C-alpha atoms as a PDB file:
ATOM      1  CA  UNK A   1     -37.526   1.318 -20.805  1.00  0.00           C
ATOM      2  CA  UNK A   2     -34.923  -1.179 -22.062  1.00  0.00           C
ATOM      3  CA  UNK A   3     -32.023   1.168 -21.215  1.00  0.00           C
ATOM      4  CA  UNK A   4     -33.200   1.466 -17.591  1.00  0.00           C
ATOM      5  CA  UNK A   5     -33.368  -2.315 -17.394  1.00  0.00           C
ATOM      6  CA  UNK A   6     -29.776  -2.623 -18.689  1.00  0.00           C
ATOM      7  CA  UNK A   7     -28.595   0.006 -16.207  1.00  0.00           C
ATOM      8  CA  UNK A   8     -30.330  -1.814 -13.353  1.00  0.00           C
ATOM      9  CA  UNK A   9     -28.779  -5.117 -14.437  1.00  0.00           C
ATOM     10  CA  UNK A  10     -25.336  -3.476 -14.588  1.00  0.00           C
ATOM     11  CA  UNK A  11     -25.717  -2.007 -11.102  1.00  0.00           C
ATOM     12  CA  UNK A  12     -26.908  -5.353  -9.750  1.00  0.00           C
ATOM     13  CA  UNK A  13     -23.879  -7.092 -11.317  1.00  0.00           C
ATOM     14  CA  UNK A  14     -21.491  -4.628  -9.676  1.00  0.00           C
ATOM     15  CA  UNK A  15     -23.192  -5.052  -6.294  1.00  0.00           C
ATOM     16  CA  UNK A  16     -23.121  -8.865  -6.564  1.00  0.00           C
ATOM     17  CA  UNK A  17     -19.427  -8.847  -7.556  1.00  0.00           C
ATOM     18  CA  UNK A  18     -18.599  -6.485  -4.693  1.00  0.00           C
ATOM     19  CA  UNK A  19     -20.464  -8.636  -2.185  1.00  0.00           C
ATOM     20  CA  UNK A  20     -18.746 -11.752  -3.554  1.00  0.00           C
ATOM     21  CA  UNK A  21     -15.322 -10.159  -3.017  1.00  0.00           C
ATOM     22  CA  UNK A  22     -16.245  -9.073   0.515  1.00  0.00           C
ATOM     23  CA  UNK A  23     -17.636 -12.488   1.411  1.00  0.00           C
ATOM     24  CA  UNK A  24     -14.584 -14.253  -0.092  1.00  0.00           C
ATOM     25  CA  UNK A  25     -12.272 -12.100   2.016  1.00  0.00           C
ATOM     26  CA  UNK A  26     -14.401 -12.590   5.131  1.00  0.00           C
ATOM     27  CA  UNK A  27     -14.372 -16.368   4.542  1.00  0.00           C
ATOM     28  CA  UNK A  28     -10.578 -16.655   4.603  1.00  0.00           C
ATOM     29  CA  UNK A  29      -9.360 -19.048   7.256  1.00  0.00           C
ATOM     30  CA  UNK A  30      -5.821 -17.646   7.263  1.00  0.00           C
ATOM     31  CA  UNK A  31      -5.300 -14.088   8.490  1.00  0.00           C
ATOM     32  CA  UNK A  32      -2.237 -11.871   7.937  1.00  0.00           C
ATOM     33  CA  UNK A  33      -0.446 -12.880  11.141  1.00  0.00           C
ATOM     34  CA  UNK A  34      -1.027 -16.576  10.394  1.00  0.00           C
ATOM     35  CA  UNK A  35       0.290 -16.092   6.844  1.00  0.00           C
ATOM     36  CA  UNK A  36       3.448 -14.448   8.212  1.00  0.00           C
ATOM     37  CA  UNK A  37       3.872 -17.270  10.753  1.00  0.00           C
ATOM     38  CA  UNK A  38       3.518 -19.887   7.996  1.00  0.00           C
ATOM     39  CA  UNK A  39       6.173 -18.068   5.947  1.00  0.00           C
ATOM     40  CA  UNK A  40       8.497 -18.048   8.963  1.00  0.00           C
ATOM     41  CA  UNK A  41       7.838 -21.746   9.641  1.00  0.00           C
ATOM     42  CA  UNK A  42       8.786 -22.458   6.000  1.00  0.00           C
ATOM     43  CA  UNK A  43      12.122 -20.672   6.438  1.00  0.00           C
ATOM     44  CA  UNK A  44      11.148 -17.407   4.719  1.00  0.00           C
ATOM     45  CA  UNK A  45      11.727 -13.919   6.116  1.00  0.00           C
ATOM     46  CA  UNK A  46       9.434 -11.163   4.854  1.00  0.00           C
ATOM     47  CA  UNK A  47      11.498  -8.434   3.197  1.00  0.00           C
ATOM     48  CA  UNK A  48       9.222  -5.446   2.933  1.00  0.00           C
ATOM     49  CA  UNK A  49       5.778  -6.292   1.588  1.00  0.00           C
ATOM     50  CA  UNK A  50       2.917  -8.739   1.998  1.00  0.00           C
ATOM     51  CA  UNK A  51      -0.536  -8.092   0.611  1.00  0.00           C
ATOM     52  CA  UNK A  52      -3.782  -9.912   0.039  1.00  0.00           C
ATOM     53  CA  UNK A  53      -4.427 -10.492  -3.668  1.00  0.00           C
ATOM     54  CA  UNK A  54      -7.755 -12.231  -4.147  1.00  0.00           C
ATOM     55  CA  UNK A  55      -7.599 -15.108  -1.669  1.00  0.00           C
ATOM     56  CA  UNK A  56      -3.783 -15.348  -1.530  1.00  0.00           C
ATOM     57  CA  UNK A  57      -1.249 -13.410   0.490  1.00  0.00           C
ATOM     58  CA  UNK A  58       1.643 -12.511  -1.803  1.00  0.00           C
ATOM     59  CA  UNK A  59       4.962 -11.613  -0.185  1.00  0.00           C
ATOM     60  CA  UNK A  60       8.454 -10.512  -1.151  1.00  0.00           C
ATOM     61  CA  UNK A  61      10.759 -12.586   1.064  1.00  0.00           C
ATOM     62  CA  UNK A  62      14.252 -13.871   1.644  1.00  0.00           C
ATOM     63  CA  UNK A  63      14.294 -17.666   1.273  1.00  0.00           C
ATOM     64  CA  UNK A  64      16.302 -19.986   3.559  1.00  0.00           C
ATOM     65  CA  UNK A  65      19.429 -19.435   1.421  1.00  0.00           C
ATOM     66  CA  UNK A  66      18.964 -15.626   1.702  1.00  0.00           C
ATOM     67  CA  UNK A  67      17.828 -15.214  -1.937  1.00  0.00           C
ATOM     68  CA  UNK A  68      15.008 -12.749  -2.662  1.00  0.00           C
ATOM     69  CA  UNK A  69      11.825 -14.448  -3.838  1.00  0.00           C
ATOM     70  CA  UNK A  70       8.124 -13.972  -4.319  1.00  0.00           C
ATOM     71  CA  UNK A  71       5.860 -16.471  -2.552  1.00  0.00           C
ATOM     72  CA  UNK A  72       2.172 -16.808  -1.807  1.00  0.00           C
ATOM     73  CA  UNK A  73       0.172 -18.175   1.091  1.00  0.00           C
ATOM     74  CA  UNK A  74      -3.250 -19.561   0.226  1.00  0.00           C
ATOM     75  CA  UNK A  75      -5.779 -17.696   2.374  1.00  0.00           C
ATOM     76  CA  UNK A  76      -8.000 -20.764   2.655  1.00  0.00           C
ATOM     77  CA  UNK A  77      -5.527 -23.616   3.145  1.00  0.00           C
ATOM     78  CA  UNK A  78      -2.409 -21.815   4.417  1.00  0.00           C
ATOM     79  CA  UNK A  79      -0.273 -23.603   1.818  1.00  0.00           C
ATOM     80  CA  UNK A  80       2.942 -21.704   1.031  1.00  0.00           C
ATOM     81  CA  UNK A  81       3.806 -21.674  -2.681  1.00  0.00           C
ATOM     82  CA  UNK A  82       7.027 -20.439  -4.281  1.00  0.00           C
ATOM     83  CA  UNK A  83       6.358 -18.070  -7.205  1.00  0.00           C
ATOM     84  CA  UNK A  84       9.752 -16.939  -8.498  1.00  0.00           C
ATOM     85  CA  UNK A  85      13.266 -15.878  -7.591  1.00  0.00           C
ATOM     86  CA  UNK A  86      13.824 -12.109  -7.666  1.00  0.00           C
ATOM     87  CA  UNK A  87      17.024 -10.252  -8.543  1.00  0.00           C
ATOM     88  CA  UNK A  88      19.319  -9.598  -5.603  1.00  0.00           C
ATOM     89  CA  UNK A  89      19.488  -6.179  -4.040  1.00  0.00           C
ATOM     90  CA  UNK A  90      22.819  -4.751  -5.055  1.00  0.00           C
ATOM     91  CA  UNK A  91      22.353  -1.209  -3.770  1.00  0.00           C
ATOM     92  CA  UNK A  92      21.955  -0.736  -0.022  1.00  0.00           C
ATOM     93  CA  UNK A  93      20.834   2.396   1.870  1.00  0.00           C
ATOM     94  CA  UNK A  94      24.335   3.839   2.145  1.00  0.00           C
ATOM     95  CA  UNK A  95      25.115   3.286  -1.528  1.00  0.00           C
ATOM     96  CA  UNK A  96      21.800   4.886  -2.583  1.00  0.00           C
ATOM     97  CA  UNK A  97      22.551   7.998  -0.504  1.00  0.00           C
ATOM     98  CA  UNK A  98      26.075   8.199  -1.954  1.00  0.00           C
ATOM     99  CA  UNK A  99      24.773   7.900  -5.532  1.00  0.00           C
ATOM    100  CA  UNK A 100      22.371  10.779  -4.990  1.00  0.00           C
ATOM    101  CA  UNK A 101      24.928  12.962  -3.219  1.00  0.00           C
ATOM    102  CA  UNK A 102      27.464  12.350  -6.012  1.00  0.00           C
ATOM    103  CA  UNK A 103      24.849  13.660  -8.459  1.00  0.00           C
ATOM    104  CA  UNK A 104      24.603  16.902  -6.476  1.00  0.00           C
ATOM    105  CA  UNK A 105      21.520  16.171  -4.386  1.00  0.00           C
ATOM    106  CA  UNK A 106      21.165  16.961  -0.682  1.00  0.00           C
ATOM    107  CA  UNK A 107      19.217  13.974   0.670  1.00  0.00           C
ATOM    108  CA  UNK A 108      16.681  14.713   3.421  1.00  0.00           C
ATOM    109  CA  UNK A 109      14.689  11.452   3.413  1.00  0.00           C
ATOM    110  CA  UNK A 110      15.252   7.926   2.118  1.00  0.00           C
ATOM    111  CA  UNK A 111      12.577   5.187   2.065  1.00  0.00           C
ATOM    112  CA  UNK A 112      12.598   1.510   1.084  1.00  0.00           C
ATOM    113  CA  UNK A 113       9.927   0.934  -1.580  1.00  0.00           C
ATOM    114  CA  UNK A 114      10.472  -2.676  -2.651  1.00  0.00           C
ATOM    115  CA  UNK A 115      12.502  -2.610  -5.870  1.00  0.00           C
ATOM    116  CA  UNK A 116      13.692   0.966  -5.384  1.00  0.00           C
ATOM    117  CA  UNK A 117      14.506   3.628  -2.802  1.00  0.00           C
ATOM    118  CA  UNK A 118      12.427   6.796  -2.754  1.00  0.00           C
ATOM    119  CA  UNK A 119      14.270   9.919  -1.661  1.00  0.00           C
ATOM    120  CA  UNK A 120      13.306  13.477  -0.895  1.00  0.00           C
ATOM    121  CA  UNK A 121      16.157  15.703  -1.997  1.00  0.00           C
ATOM    122  CA  UNK A 122      17.157  19.251  -2.822  1.00  0.00           C
ATOM    123  CA  UNK A 123      18.797  19.725  -6.205  1.00  0.00           C
ATOM    124  CA  UNK A 124      21.652  22.114  -7.068  1.00  0.00           C
ATOM    125  CA  UNK A 125      19.151  24.971  -7.496  1.00  0.00           C
ATOM    126  CA  UNK A 126      17.746  24.326  -3.987  1.00  0.00           C
ATOM    127  CA  UNK A 127      14.456  22.927  -5.354  1.00  0.00           C
ATOM    128  CA  UNK A 128      12.781  20.106  -3.460  1.00  0.00           C
ATOM    129  CA  UNK A 129      12.391  16.946  -5.533  1.00  0.00           C
ATOM    130  CA  UNK A 130      11.356  13.329  -5.180  1.00  0.00           C
ATOM    131  CA  UNK A 131      13.652  10.795  -6.816  1.00  0.00           C
ATOM    132  CA  UNK A 132      13.787   7.025  -7.035  1.00  0.00           C
ATOM    133  CA  UNK A 133      16.921   4.893  -7.121  1.00  0.00           C
ATOM    134  CA  UNK A 134      16.716   1.400  -8.630  1.00  0.00           C
ATOM    135  CA  UNK A 135      18.052  -1.113  -6.078  1.00  0.00           C
ATOM    136  CA  UNK A 136      19.557  -3.394  -8.705  1.00  0.00           C
ATOM    137  CA  UNK A 137      21.232  -0.906 -11.055  1.00  0.00           C
ATOM    138  CA  UNK A 138      21.653   2.181  -8.853  1.00  0.00           C
ATOM    139  CA  UNK A 139      20.186   4.384 -11.578  1.00  0.00           C
ATOM    140  CA  UNK A 140      17.975   7.355 -10.709  1.00  0.00           C
ATOM    141  CA  UNK A 141      14.752   6.211 -12.372  1.00  0.00           C
ATOM    142  CA  UNK A 142      12.447   9.121 -11.603  1.00  0.00           C
ATOM    143  CA  UNK A 143      12.936  12.769 -10.778  1.00  0.00           C
ATOM    144  CA  UNK A 144       9.901  14.911  -9.917  1.00  0.00           C
ATOM    145  CA  UNK A 145      10.283  18.519  -8.744  1.00  0.00           C
ATOM    146  CA  UNK A 146       7.958  19.133  -5.783  1.00  0.00           C
END
């Protein structure tokens, strides 16, 4: 009988936590578009990602001096808070494609994934593969044959 009671208490805890998270998100006074507007008003330009983490929107941005940074927007108050400076992007799209082609890959797709580029390529044996190129160093950091 005691084990059923513990199981029931565990299930109730999970349900209560889930409902708390849903109600916290529903109670936010700042929505995504407002968070983006507040970033823009503060001189930031969103680079490629903004997501809700708890009750804060966390974004990778370019600051007013064009430095990459991580910032947050409080989902309740709308306050914009600087988190940290991020390393500059040294490798652009063209350079990433050239790096892969110089390593013998035929590139068929290239995507921006935050701190790296993801590419669909064919290797020298004509096998499809997914690779990632680090934006800071230019190194191929993952190679998975499809």
